[in-house]
Amino acid sequence: AEGKNAVAEIFANVHKHYKNLSQEQLSDVSFAKTNLPFAGDLYMGHLRYSTTGKSGLSYVHPFLRRNNWKAKNLCMCGNFNMTNIGDVFEILTEQGQCPRIYSDTNILLELMGHRLDREVERNFVDAQKLGLEKRAITNYIEENVQMSNVLKTTMQHFDGGYVICGLTGSGEMFSIRDPWSIRPAFYYKNDEIVVLASERPVLQTTFDLECDDIQELKPGQALIVNKRGECSLQQILEPKQNAACSFERIYFSRGSDRDIYKERETLGRQLTEPVLKAVDYDTEHTVLSYIPNTAEVAFYGL
């Protein structure tokens, strides 16, 4: 789907598969898994603002690296801008790869996919040493893949701001934040769900949560969920000096976040005296407004 009605078209396509089902059927997990094409245990999606000057379906996240072996399949999306793609491209070519597309997304996918392949092969050797054969080896690999190994050997090569999410064909899911805290990431977990998003209000609204119920993913930290649903926080990269992107705070983020609201309101209040001086205190002949919509809270502070 493309164009201004893309979201409506996508949801209409999804809804047609279950709009005639009863509430009892929709509440039945076993029925949903068997009968609904979009029902599952893992969900991942991302709307990335185009920073390349290009658009089209080929730039839509998530990206998929396919393989006949389930454990080697990798799906990935993220909020990122990598600044050393040339260096990472050289690493790939030195290993014998010939990436078909020169972009941060594809280079990241190929390098992480390569490291995932190595992790699978490591487990393959271990399984053989244990005397396992055929499908037993496959099952062993899927049970013992360590995504922390993949992330450590992949992300050490990248420089930039990012929050990256991914999942594998064998059922592991992960997210990692850059060590400078440039990009924001928040998560919530309980006995039933683990969910992560770039903004806290999304989680609050969707799951009816209080602000303090939600945690911030720390710099260089990864949130990893294995195929058994076991969740862990692992430090993948050493945290660096905080360099959070100011644009995330003053422009991108939703004003309904508690901290964002207070910050923008304060920013607007601090503009009061400069604005009054600019109009020579002639408020009767001054019209005040705000552009864009994310400046609304600052406008109220002013």
C-alpha atoms as a PDB file:
ATOM      1  CA  ALA A   1       0.000   0.000   0.000  1.00  0.00           C
ATOM      2  CA  GLU A   2       1.273   3.463  -0.887  1.00  0.00           C
ATOM      3  CA  GLY A   3       0.029   7.044  -0.712  1.00  0.00           C
ATOM      4  CA  LYS A   4      -1.944   8.981   1.876  1.00  0.00           C
ATOM      5  CA  ASN A   5      -4.513   6.179   2.329  1.00  0.00           C
ATOM      6  CA  ALA A   6      -1.917   3.423   2.798  1.00  0.00           C
ATOM      7  CA  VAL A   7      -2.617   2.819   6.502  1.00  0.00           C
ATOM      8  CA  ALA A   8      -6.395   2.642   5.976  1.00  0.00           C
ATOM      9  CA  GLU A   9      -5.889   0.218   3.100  1.00  0.00           C
ATOM     10  CA  ILE A  10      -3.621  -2.028   5.161  1.00  0.00           C
ATOM     11  CA  PHE A  11      -6.012  -2.188   8.119  1.00  0.00           C
ATOM     12  CA  ALA A  12      -8.995  -2.797   5.860  1.00  0.00           C
ATOM     13  CA  ASN A  13      -7.150  -5.735   4.340  1.00  0.00           C
ATOM     14  CA  VAL A  14      -6.308  -7.136   7.774  1.00  0.00           C
ATOM     15  CA  HIS A  15      -9.798  -6.605   9.246  1.00  0.00           C
ATOM     16  CA  LYS A  16     -11.624  -8.422   6.461  1.00  0.00           C
ATOM     17  CA  HIS A  17     -10.214 -11.709   7.722  1.00  0.00           C
ATOM     18  CA  TYR A  18     -11.968 -11.537  11.084  1.00  0.00           C
ATOM     19  CA  LYS A  19     -14.659  -8.829  11.021  1.00  0.00           C
ATOM     20  CA  ASN A  20     -17.423 -11.478  10.898  1.00  0.00           C
ATOM     21  CA  LEU A  21     -16.069 -13.601  13.755  1.00  0.00           C
ATOM     22  CA  SER A  22     -17.680 -13.654  17.198  1.00  0.00           C
ATOM     23  CA  GLN A  23     -16.011 -12.229  20.296  1.00  0.00           C
ATOM     24  CA  GLU A  24     -15.705 -15.765  21.676  1.00  0.00           C
ATOM     25  CA  GLN A  25     -13.750 -16.862  18.615  1.00  0.00           C
ATOM     26  CA  LEU A  26     -11.505 -13.812  18.759  1.00  0.00           C
ATOM     27  CA  SER A  27     -10.794 -14.482  22.445  1.00  0.00           C
ATOM     28  CA  ASP A  28      -9.835 -18.107  21.755  1.00  0.00           C
ATOM     29  CA  VAL A  29      -6.046 -18.191  21.314  1.00  0.00           C
ATOM     30  CA  SER A  30      -6.026 -21.653  19.740  1.00  0.00           C
ATOM     31  CA  PHE A  31      -8.737 -20.651  17.251  1.00  0.00           C
ATOM     32  CA  ALA A  32      -6.890 -17.453  16.358  1.00  0.00           C
ATOM     33  CA  LYS A  33      -3.597 -19.232  15.703  1.00  0.00           C
ATOM     34  CA  THR A  34      -5.298 -21.767  13.462  1.00  0.00           C
ATOM     35  CA  ASN A  35      -7.734 -19.548  11.565  1.00  0.00           C
ATOM     36  CA  LEU A  36      -6.380 -15.994  11.472  1.00  0.00           C
ATOM     37  CA  PRO A  37      -3.516 -15.304   9.050  1.00  0.00           C
ATOM     38  CA  PHE A  38      -2.144 -12.411  11.096  1.00  0.00           C
ATOM     39  CA  ALA A  39      -2.290 -14.051  14.536  1.00  0.00           C
ATOM     40  CA  GLY A  40       0.973 -15.155  16.115  1.00  0.00           C
ATOM     41  CA  ASP A  41       3.312 -14.919  19.072  1.00  0.00           C
ATOM     42  CA  LEU A  42       5.766 -12.389  17.625  1.00  0.00           C
ATOM     43  CA  TYR A  43       4.999  -9.042  15.996  1.00  0.00           C
ATOM     44  CA  MET A  44       7.426  -6.511  14.610  1.00  0.00           C
ATOM     45  CA  GLY A  45       6.935  -3.364  12.556  1.00  0.00           C
ATOM     46  CA  HIS A  46       8.336   0.081  12.049  1.00  0.00           C
ATOM     47  CA  LEU A  47       7.539   3.321  10.269  1.00  0.00           C
ATOM     48  CA  ARG A  48      10.833   4.910   9.296  1.00  0.00           C
ATOM     49  CA  TYR A  49      10.974   8.508   8.176  1.00  0.00           C
ATOM     50  CA  SER A  50      12.881   8.537   4.891  1.00  0.00           C
ATOM     51  CA  THR A  51      16.305  10.107   5.352  1.00  0.00           C
ATOM     52  CA  THR A  52      17.648   8.899   2.015  1.00  0.00           C
ATOM     53  CA  GLY A  53      15.650  11.172  -0.261  1.00  0.00           C
ATOM     54  CA  LYS A  54      14.131   8.061  -1.791  1.00  0.00           C
ATOM     55  CA  SER A  55      10.830   6.252  -1.341  1.00  0.00           C
ATOM     56  CA  GLY A  56       9.089   3.070  -2.447  1.00  0.00           C
ATOM     57  CA  LEU A  57       8.266  -0.426  -1.243  1.00  0.00           C
ATOM     58  CA  SER A  58      11.920  -1.469  -1.452  1.00  0.00           C
ATOM     59  CA  TYR A  59      12.634   0.901   1.461  1.00  0.00           C
ATOM     60  CA  VAL A  60       9.818  -0.354   3.701  1.00  0.00           C
ATOM     61  CA  HIS A  61      10.795  -2.056   6.957  1.00  0.00           C
ATOM     62  CA  PRO A  62      11.184  -4.793   8.036  1.00  0.00           C
ATOM     63  CA  PHE A  63      13.857  -6.336   5.818  1.00  0.00           C
ATOM     64  CA  LEU A  64      14.191 -10.099   5.456  1.00  0.00           C
ATOM     65  CA  ARG A  65      17.254 -12.273   4.866  1.00  0.00           C
ATOM     66  CA  ARG A  66      15.961 -15.655   3.752  1.00  0.00           C
ATOM     67  CA  ASN A  67      17.461 -19.119   4.157  1.00  0.00           C
ATOM     68  CA  ASN A  68      16.239 -22.714   3.876  1.00  0.00           C
ATOM     69  CA  TRP A  69      17.320 -23.320   7.482  1.00  0.00           C
ATOM     70  CA  LYS A  70      14.870 -21.699   9.913  1.00  0.00           C
ATOM     71  CA  ALA A  71      17.519 -20.596  12.381  1.00  0.00           C
ATOM     72  CA  LYS A  72      19.368 -18.661   9.650  1.00  0.00           C
ATOM     73  CA  ASN A  73      16.376 -16.542   8.636  1.00  0.00           C
ATOM     74  CA  LEU A  74      16.639 -12.975   9.899  1.00  0.00           C
ATOM     75  CA  CYS A  75      14.033 -10.200   9.871  1.00  0.00           C
ATOM     76  CA  MET A  76      15.074  -6.727  10.942  1.00  0.00           C
ATOM     77  CA  CYS A  77      13.781  -3.171  11.286  1.00  0.00           C
ATOM     78  CA  GLY A  78      14.937  -0.101  13.111  1.00  0.00           C
ATOM     79  CA  ASN A  79      15.227   3.591  13.810  1.00  0.00           C
ATOM     80  CA  PHE A  80      18.805   4.330  12.821  1.00  0.00           C
ATOM     81  CA  ASN A  81      21.371   6.249  10.831  1.00  0.00           C
ATOM     82  CA  MET A  82      24.770   4.572  10.587  1.00  0.00           C
ATOM     83  CA  THR A  83      27.728   6.863   9.958  1.00  0.00           C
ATOM     84  CA  ASN A  84      30.460   4.380   8.992  1.00  0.00           C
ATOM     85  CA  ILE A  85      28.812   2.231   6.334  1.00  0.00           C
ATOM     86  CA  GLY A  86      31.915   2.460   4.140  1.00  0.00           C
ATOM     87  CA  ASP A  87      34.037   0.821   6.842  1.00  0.00           C
ATOM     88  CA  VAL A  88      31.504  -1.955   7.447  1.00  0.00           C
ATOM     89  CA  PHE A  89      31.174  -2.528   3.700  1.00  0.00           C
ATOM     90  CA  GLU A  90      34.920  -3.189   3.588  1.00  0.00           C
ATOM     91  CA  ILE A  91      34.585  -5.695   6.437  1.00  0.00           C
ATOM     92  CA  LEU A  92      31.976  -7.617   4.448  1.00  0.00           C
ATOM     93  CA  THR A  93      33.993  -7.622   1.232  1.00  0.00           C
ATOM     94  CA  GLU A  94      37.112  -8.756   3.095  1.00  0.00           C
ATOM     95  CA  GLN A  95      35.094 -11.755   4.313  1.00  0.00           C
ATOM     96  CA  GLY A  96      34.228 -12.589   0.716  1.00  0.00           C
ATOM     97  CA  GLN A  97      30.731 -11.103   0.524  1.00  0.00           C
ATOM     98  CA  CYS A  98      29.573  -8.938  -2.365  1.00  0.00           C
ATOM     99  CA  PRO A  99      26.597  -6.896  -1.051  1.00  0.00           C
ATOM    100  CA  ARG A 100      24.178  -6.081  -3.862  1.00  0.00           C
ATOM    101  CA  ILE A 101      22.840  -2.887  -2.274  1.00  0.00           C
ATOM    102  CA  TYR A 102      24.921  -0.149  -0.648  1.00  0.00           C
ATOM    103  CA  SER A 103      22.743   1.195   2.177  1.00  0.00           C
ATOM    104  CA  ASP A 104      22.935   1.162   5.970  1.00  0.00           C
ATOM    105  CA  THR A 105      19.908  -1.134   6.254  1.00  0.00           C
ATOM    106  CA  ASN A 106      21.159  -3.768   3.829  1.00  0.00           C
ATOM    107  CA  ILE A 107      24.746  -3.662   5.072  1.00  0.00           C
ATOM    108  CA  LEU A 108      23.520  -4.106   8.657  1.00  0.00           C
ATOM    109  CA  LEU A 109      21.247  -6.972   7.613  1.00  0.00           C
ATOM    110  CA  GLU A 110      24.039  -8.750   5.736  1.00  0.00           C
ATOM    111  CA  LEU A 111      26.610  -8.420   8.502  1.00  0.00           C
ATOM    112  CA  MET A 112      24.184  -9.532  11.212  1.00  0.00           C
ATOM    113  CA  GLY A 113      23.013 -12.361   8.962  1.00  0.00           C
ATOM    114  CA  HIS A 114      26.614 -13.439   8.469  1.00  0.00           C
ATOM    115  CA  ARG A 115      27.211 -13.505  12.230  1.00  0.00           C
ATOM    116  CA  LEU A 116      23.960 -15.426  12.735  1.00  0.00           C
ATOM    117  CA  ASP A 117      25.210 -18.005  10.215  1.00  0.00           C
ATOM    118  CA  ARG A 118      28.424 -18.382  12.233  1.00  0.00           C
ATOM    119  CA  GLU A 119      26.444 -18.815  15.469  1.00  0.00           C
ATOM    120  CA  VAL A 120      24.314 -21.530  13.850  1.00  0.00           C
ATOM    121  CA  GLU A 121      27.424 -23.294  12.564  1.00  0.00           C
ATOM    122  CA  ARG A 122      29.001 -23.153  16.035  1.00  0.00           C
ATOM    123  CA  ASN A 123      25.982 -24.956  17.437  1.00  0.00           C
ATOM    124  CA  PHE A 124      26.056 -27.414  14.530  1.00  0.00           C
ATOM    125  CA  VAL A 125      29.588 -28.466  15.504  1.00  0.00           C
ATOM    126  CA  ASP A 126      28.569 -28.767  19.174  1.00  0.00           C
ATOM    127  CA  ALA A 127      25.582 -30.934  18.221  1.00  0.00           C
ATOM    128  CA  GLN A 128      27.778 -33.284  16.199  1.00  0.00           C
ATOM    129  CA  LYS A 129      30.160 -33.639  19.138  1.00  0.00           C
ATOM    130  CA  LEU A 130      27.167 -34.733  21.218  1.00  0.00           C
ATOM    131  CA  GLY A 131      26.399 -37.456  18.685  1.00  0.00           C
ATOM    132  CA  LEU A 132      23.208 -35.872  17.370  1.00  0.00           C
ATOM    133  CA  GLU A 133      22.026 -36.417  13.799  1.00  0.00           C
ATOM    134  CA  LYS A 134      19.633 -34.951  11.222  1.00  0.00           C
ATOM    135  CA  ARG A 135      16.583 -33.225  12.720  1.00  0.00           C
ATOM    136  CA  ALA A 136      17.962 -33.623  16.223  1.00  0.00           C
ATOM    137  CA  ILE A 137      20.810 -31.324  15.184  1.00  0.00           C
ATOM    138  CA  THR A 138      18.341 -28.765  13.831  1.00  0.00           C
ATOM    139  CA  ASN A 139      16.359 -28.831  17.077  1.00  0.00           C
ATOM    140  CA  TYR A 140      19.559 -28.461  19.097  1.00  0.00           C
ATOM    141  CA  ILE A 141      20.613 -25.427  17.066  1.00  0.00           C
ATOM    142  CA  GLU A 142      17.255 -23.698  17.472  1.00  0.00           C
ATOM    143  CA  GLU A 143      17.285 -24.292  21.229  1.00  0.00           C
ATOM    144  CA  ASN A 144      20.844 -23.050  21.756  1.00  0.00           C
ATOM    145  CA  VAL A 145      21.380 -20.079  19.452  1.00  0.00           C
ATOM    146  CA  GLN A 146      22.643 -17.153  21.536  1.00  0.00           C
ATOM    147  CA  MET A 147      21.547 -13.856  20.012  1.00  0.00           C
ATOM    148  CA  SER A 148      23.847 -12.026  22.424  1.00  0.00           C
ATOM    149  CA  ASN A 149      26.810 -13.557  20.555  1.00  0.00           C
ATOM    150  CA  VAL A 150      25.377 -12.373  17.240  1.00  0.00           C
ATOM    151  CA  LEU A 151      24.772  -8.844  18.526  1.00  0.00           C
ATOM    152  CA  LYS A 152      28.202  -8.500  20.129  1.00  0.00           C
ATOM    153  CA  THR A 153      30.046  -9.572  16.988  1.00  0.00           C
ATOM    154  CA  THR A 154      27.838  -7.405  14.764  1.00  0.00           C
ATOM    155  CA  MET A 155      27.234  -4.127  16.574  1.00  0.00           C
ATOM    156  CA  GLN A 156      30.861  -3.599  17.615  1.00  0.00           C
ATOM    157  CA  HIS A 157      31.521  -2.527  14.016  1.00  0.00           C
ATOM    158  CA  PHE A 158      28.811   0.150  13.766  1.00  0.00           C
ATOM    159  CA  ASP A 159      28.903   3.829  14.631  1.00  0.00           C
ATOM    160  CA  GLY A 160      25.727   5.905  14.766  1.00  0.00           C
ATOM    161  CA  GLY A 161      22.404   6.292  16.501  1.00  0.00           C
ATOM    162  CA  TYR A 162      20.058   3.327  16.470  1.00  0.00           C
ATOM    163  CA  VAL A 163      17.364   1.214  18.010  1.00  0.00           C
ATOM    164  CA  ILE A 164      17.226  -2.052  16.091  1.00  0.00           C
ATOM    165  CA  CYS A 165      14.693  -4.855  16.417  1.00  0.00           C
ATOM    166  CA  GLY A 166      14.869  -8.275  14.840  1.00  0.00           C
ATOM    167  CA  LEU A 167      13.633 -11.830  14.940  1.00  0.00           C
ATOM    168  CA  THR A 168      14.902 -15.144  13.620  1.00  0.00           C
ATOM    169  CA  GLY A 169      13.134 -18.026  11.938  1.00  0.00           C
ATOM    170  CA  SER A 170      13.606 -20.199  15.003  1.00  0.00           C
ATOM    171  CA  GLY A 171      11.757 -17.746  17.249  1.00  0.00           C
ATOM    172  CA  GLU A 172      14.296 -15.471  18.932  1.00  0.00           C
ATOM    173  CA  MET A 173      13.448 -11.792  19.132  1.00  0.00           C
ATOM    174  CA  PHE A 174      15.709  -8.933  20.144  1.00  0.00           C
ATOM    175  CA  SER A 175      16.191  -5.188  20.332  1.00  0.00           C
ATOM    176  CA  ILE A 176      19.366  -3.194  20.934  1.00  0.00           C
ATOM    177  CA  ARG A 177      20.019   0.496  21.612  1.00  0.00           C
ATOM    178  CA  ASP A 178      23.122   2.457  20.621  1.00  0.00           C
ATOM    179  CA  PRO A 179      25.689   3.048  23.406  1.00  0.00           C
ATOM    180  CA  TRP A 180      25.327   6.862  23.168  1.00  0.00           C
ATOM    181  CA  SER A 181      21.542   6.825  23.826  1.00  0.00           C
ATOM    182  CA  ILE A 182      21.024   8.814  20.626  1.00  0.00           C
ATOM    183  CA  ARG A 183      17.780   7.008  19.772  1.00  0.00           C
ATOM    184  CA  PRO A 184      15.100   6.393  22.458  1.00  0.00           C
ATOM    185  CA  ALA A 185      13.666   2.994  23.411  1.00  0.00           C
ATOM    186  CA  PHE A 186      11.154   1.945  26.077  1.00  0.00           C
ATOM    187  CA  TYR A 187       9.890  -1.483  27.081  1.00  0.00           C
ATOM    188  CA  TYR A 188       7.332  -3.197  29.282  1.00  0.00           C
ATOM    189  CA  LYS A 189       7.187  -6.835  30.330  1.00  0.00           C
ATOM    190  CA  ASN A 190       5.055  -9.021  32.566  1.00  0.00           C
ATOM    191  CA  ASP A 191       4.244 -12.739  32.772  1.00  0.00           C
ATOM    192  CA  GLU A 192       2.418 -12.673  29.431  1.00  0.00           C
ATOM    193  CA  ILE A 193       3.981 -10.077  27.145  1.00  0.00           C
ATOM    194  CA  VAL A 194       7.209  -8.296  26.287  1.00  0.00           C
ATOM    195  CA  VAL A 195       6.861  -5.145  24.186  1.00  0.00           C
ATOM    196  CA  LEU A 196       9.233  -2.396  23.086  1.00  0.00           C
ATOM    197  CA  ALA A 197       8.680   0.907  21.264  1.00  0.00           C
ATOM    198  CA  SER A 198      10.476   4.164  20.519  1.00  0.00           C
ATOM    199  CA  GLU A 199       7.947   6.129  22.561  1.00  0.00           C
ATOM    200  CA  ARG A 200       6.475   5.568  26.005  1.00  0.00           C
ATOM    201  CA  PRO A 201       2.916   6.879  25.335  1.00  0.00           C
ATOM    202  CA  VAL A 202       2.356   4.190  22.707  1.00  0.00           C
ATOM    203  CA  LEU A 203       2.834   1.496  25.342  1.00  0.00           C
ATOM    204  CA  GLN A 204       0.748   3.389  27.900  1.00  0.00           C
ATOM    205  CA  THR A 205      -2.182   3.765  25.513  1.00  0.00           C
ATOM    206  CA  THR A 206      -2.073   0.254  24.070  1.00  0.00           C
ATOM    207  CA  PHE A 207      -1.671  -1.638  27.334  1.00  0.00           C
ATOM    208  CA  ASP A 208      -3.339   0.835  29.740  1.00  0.00           C
ATOM    209  CA  LEU A 209      -0.165   1.459  31.727  1.00  0.00           C
ATOM    210  CA  GLU A 210       1.116   4.164  34.025  1.00  0.00           C
ATOM    211  CA  CYS A 211       4.230   6.056  33.041  1.00  0.00           C
ATOM    212  CA  ASP A 212       6.256   4.454  35.829  1.00  0.00           C
ATOM    213  CA  ASP A 213       5.318   0.934  34.676  1.00  0.00           C
ATOM    214  CA  ILE A 214       7.560   1.371  31.648  1.00  0.00           C
ATOM    215  CA  GLN A 215      11.349   1.080  31.628  1.00  0.00           C
ATOM    216  CA  GLU A 216      13.897   2.740  29.359  1.00  0.00           C
ATOM    217  CA  LEU A 217      16.331   0.469  27.530  1.00  0.00           C
ATOM    218  CA  LYS A 218      19.805   1.483  28.654  1.00  0.00           C
ATOM    219  CA  PRO A 219      22.608   2.518  26.282  1.00  0.00           C
ATOM    220  CA  GLY A 220      24.323  -0.454  24.640  1.00  0.00           C
ATOM    221  CA  GLN A 221      21.761  -2.796  26.172  1.00  0.00           C
ATOM    222  CA  ALA A 222      19.739  -5.481  24.407  1.00  0.00           C
ATOM    223  CA  LEU A 223      16.332  -6.891  25.266  1.00  0.00           C
ATOM    224  CA  ILE A 224      16.330 -10.534  24.140  1.00  0.00           C
ATOM    225  CA  VAL A 225      13.444 -13.024  24.133  1.00  0.00           C
ATOM    226  CA  ASN A 226      14.284 -16.626  23.253  1.00  0.00           C
ATOM    227  CA  LYS A 227      11.975 -19.110  21.541  1.00  0.00           C
ATOM    228  CA  ARG A 228      10.701 -20.331  24.933  1.00  0.00           C
ATOM    229  CA  GLY A 229       9.516 -16.821  25.795  1.00  0.00           C
ATOM    230  CA  GLU A 230      12.250 -16.217  28.356  1.00  0.00           C
ATOM    231  CA  CYS A 231      13.233 -12.549  28.487  1.00  0.00           C
ATOM    232  CA  SER A 232      16.610 -11.137  29.476  1.00  0.00           C
ATOM    233  CA  LEU A 233      18.449  -7.818  29.460  1.00  0.00           C
ATOM    234  CA  GLN A 234      22.075  -8.092  28.354  1.00  0.00           C
ATOM    235  CA  GLN A 235      24.787  -5.474  28.071  1.00  0.00           C
ATOM    236  CA  ILE A 236      26.118  -5.846  24.528  1.00  0.00           C
ATOM    237  CA  LEU A 237      28.201  -2.673  24.186  1.00  0.00           C
ATOM    238  CA  GLU A 238      29.912  -0.499  26.772  1.00  0.00           C
ATOM    239  CA  PRO A 239      27.854   2.664  27.431  1.00  0.00           C
ATOM    240  CA  LYS A 240      29.356   5.887  26.075  1.00  0.00           C
ATOM    241  CA  GLN A 241      28.844   9.537  27.007  1.00  0.00           C
ATOM    242  CA  ASN A 242      25.170  10.442  26.742  1.00  0.00           C
ATOM    243  CA  ALA A 243      24.457  12.106  23.395  1.00  0.00           C
ATOM    244  CA  ALA A 244      20.659  11.853  23.168  1.00  0.00           C
ATOM    245  CA  CYS A 245      19.277  13.432  19.999  1.00  0.00           C
ATOM    246  CA  SER A 246      17.646  16.763  20.895  1.00  0.00           C
ATOM    247  CA  PHE A 247      15.449  16.550  17.801  1.00  0.00           C
ATOM    248  CA  GLU A 248      13.793  13.430  19.229  1.00  0.00           C
ATOM    249  CA  ARG A 249      12.773  15.500  22.253  1.00  0.00           C
ATOM    250  CA  ILE A 250      11.620  18.726  20.613  1.00  0.00           C
ATOM    251  CA  TYR A 251      10.154  17.447  17.350  1.00  0.00           C
ATOM    252  CA  PHE A 252       9.688  13.716  16.760  1.00  0.00           C
ATOM    253  CA  SER A 253       8.277  12.562  20.108  1.00  0.00           C
ATOM    254  CA  ARG A 254       4.596  12.690  20.994  1.00  0.00           C
ATOM    255  CA  GLY A 255       3.630  15.501  23.345  1.00  0.00           C
ATOM    256  CA  SER A 256       1.506  13.121  25.419  1.00  0.00           C
ATOM    257  CA  ASP A 257       4.625  11.705  27.066  1.00  0.00           C
ATOM    258  CA  ARG A 258       4.919  13.034  30.615  1.00  0.00           C
ATOM    259  CA  ASP A 259       8.544  14.157  30.379  1.00  0.00           C
ATOM    260  CA  ILE A 260       8.264  15.440  26.809  1.00  0.00           C
ATOM    261  CA  TYR A 261       5.222  17.528  27.781  1.00  0.00           C
ATOM    262  CA  LYS A 262       7.027  19.146  30.707  1.00  0.00           C
ATOM    263  CA  GLU A 263      10.139  19.847  28.640  1.00  0.00           C
ATOM    264  CA  ARG A 264       8.266  21.449  25.748  1.00  0.00           C
ATOM    265  CA  GLU A 265       6.079  23.486  28.073  1.00  0.00           C
ATOM    266  CA  THR A 266       9.215  24.804  29.762  1.00  0.00           C
ATOM    267  CA  LEU A 267      10.834  25.581  26.404  1.00  0.00           C
ATOM    268  CA  GLY A 268       7.792  27.635  25.446  1.00  0.00           C
ATOM    269  CA  ARG A 269       7.823  29.463  28.764  1.00  0.00           C
ATOM    270  CA  GLN A 270      11.477  30.371  28.248  1.00  0.00           C
ATOM    271  CA  LEU A 271      10.565  31.980  24.926  1.00  0.00           C
ATOM    272  CA  THR A 272       8.107  34.406  26.521  1.00  0.00           C
ATOM    273  CA  GLU A 273      10.494  37.301  27.110  1.00  0.00           C
ATOM    274  CA  PRO A 274      12.333  36.998  23.736  1.00  0.00           C
ATOM    275  CA  VAL A 275       8.997  36.930  21.888  1.00  0.00           C
ATOM    276  CA  LEU A 276       7.669  39.956  23.779  1.00  0.00           C
ATOM    277  CA  LYS A 277      10.825  41.887  22.981  1.00  0.00           C
ATOM    278  CA  ALA A 278      10.568  40.898  19.314  1.00  0.00           C
ATOM    279  CA  VAL A 279       7.058  42.408  19.047  1.00  0.00           C
ATOM    280  CA  ASP A 280       7.953  45.363  21.261  1.00  0.00           C
ATOM    281  CA  TYR A 281       5.404  44.134  23.822  1.00  0.00           C
ATOM    282  CA  ASP A 282       2.568  44.967  21.402  1.00  0.00           C
ATOM    283  CA  THR A 283       0.401  41.932  22.185  1.00  0.00           C
ATOM    284  CA  GLU A 284      -2.782  43.578  20.892  1.00  0.00           C
ATOM    285  CA  HIS A 285      -1.471  43.491  17.324  1.00  0.00           C
ATOM    286  CA  THR A 286       0.331  40.140  17.562  1.00  0.00           C
ATOM    287  CA  VAL A 287      -1.019  36.783  16.423  1.00  0.00           C
ATOM    288  CA  LEU A 288       0.620  33.716  17.958  1.00  0.00           C
ATOM    289  CA  SER A 289       0.372  30.201  16.578  1.00  0.00           C
ATOM    290  CA  TYR A 290       2.545  27.090  16.248  1.00  0.00           C
ATOM    291  CA  ILE A 291       4.064  24.996  13.463  1.00  0.00           C
ATOM    292  CA  PRO A 292       4.318  21.977  13.388  1.00  0.00           C
ATOM    293  CA  ASN A 293       1.782  20.167  15.571  1.00  0.00           C
ATOM    294  CA  THR A 294       4.511  18.936  17.917  1.00  0.00           C
ATOM    295  CA  ALA A 295       5.080  22.595  18.925  1.00  0.00           C
ATOM    296  CA  GLU A 296       1.597  22.775  20.467  1.00  0.00           C
ATOM    297  CA  VAL A 297       2.736  22.141  24.039  1.00  0.00           C
ATOM    298  CA  ALA A 298       5.499  24.754  23.759  1.00  0.00           C
ATOM    299  CA  PHE A 299       2.860  27.178  22.481  1.00  0.00           C
ATOM    300  CA  TYR A 300       0.791  26.598  25.622  1.00  0.00           C
ATOM    301  CA  GLY A 301       3.895  27.179  27.742  1.00  0.00           C
ATOM    302  CA  LEU A 302       4.464  30.457  25.938  1.00  0.00           C
END
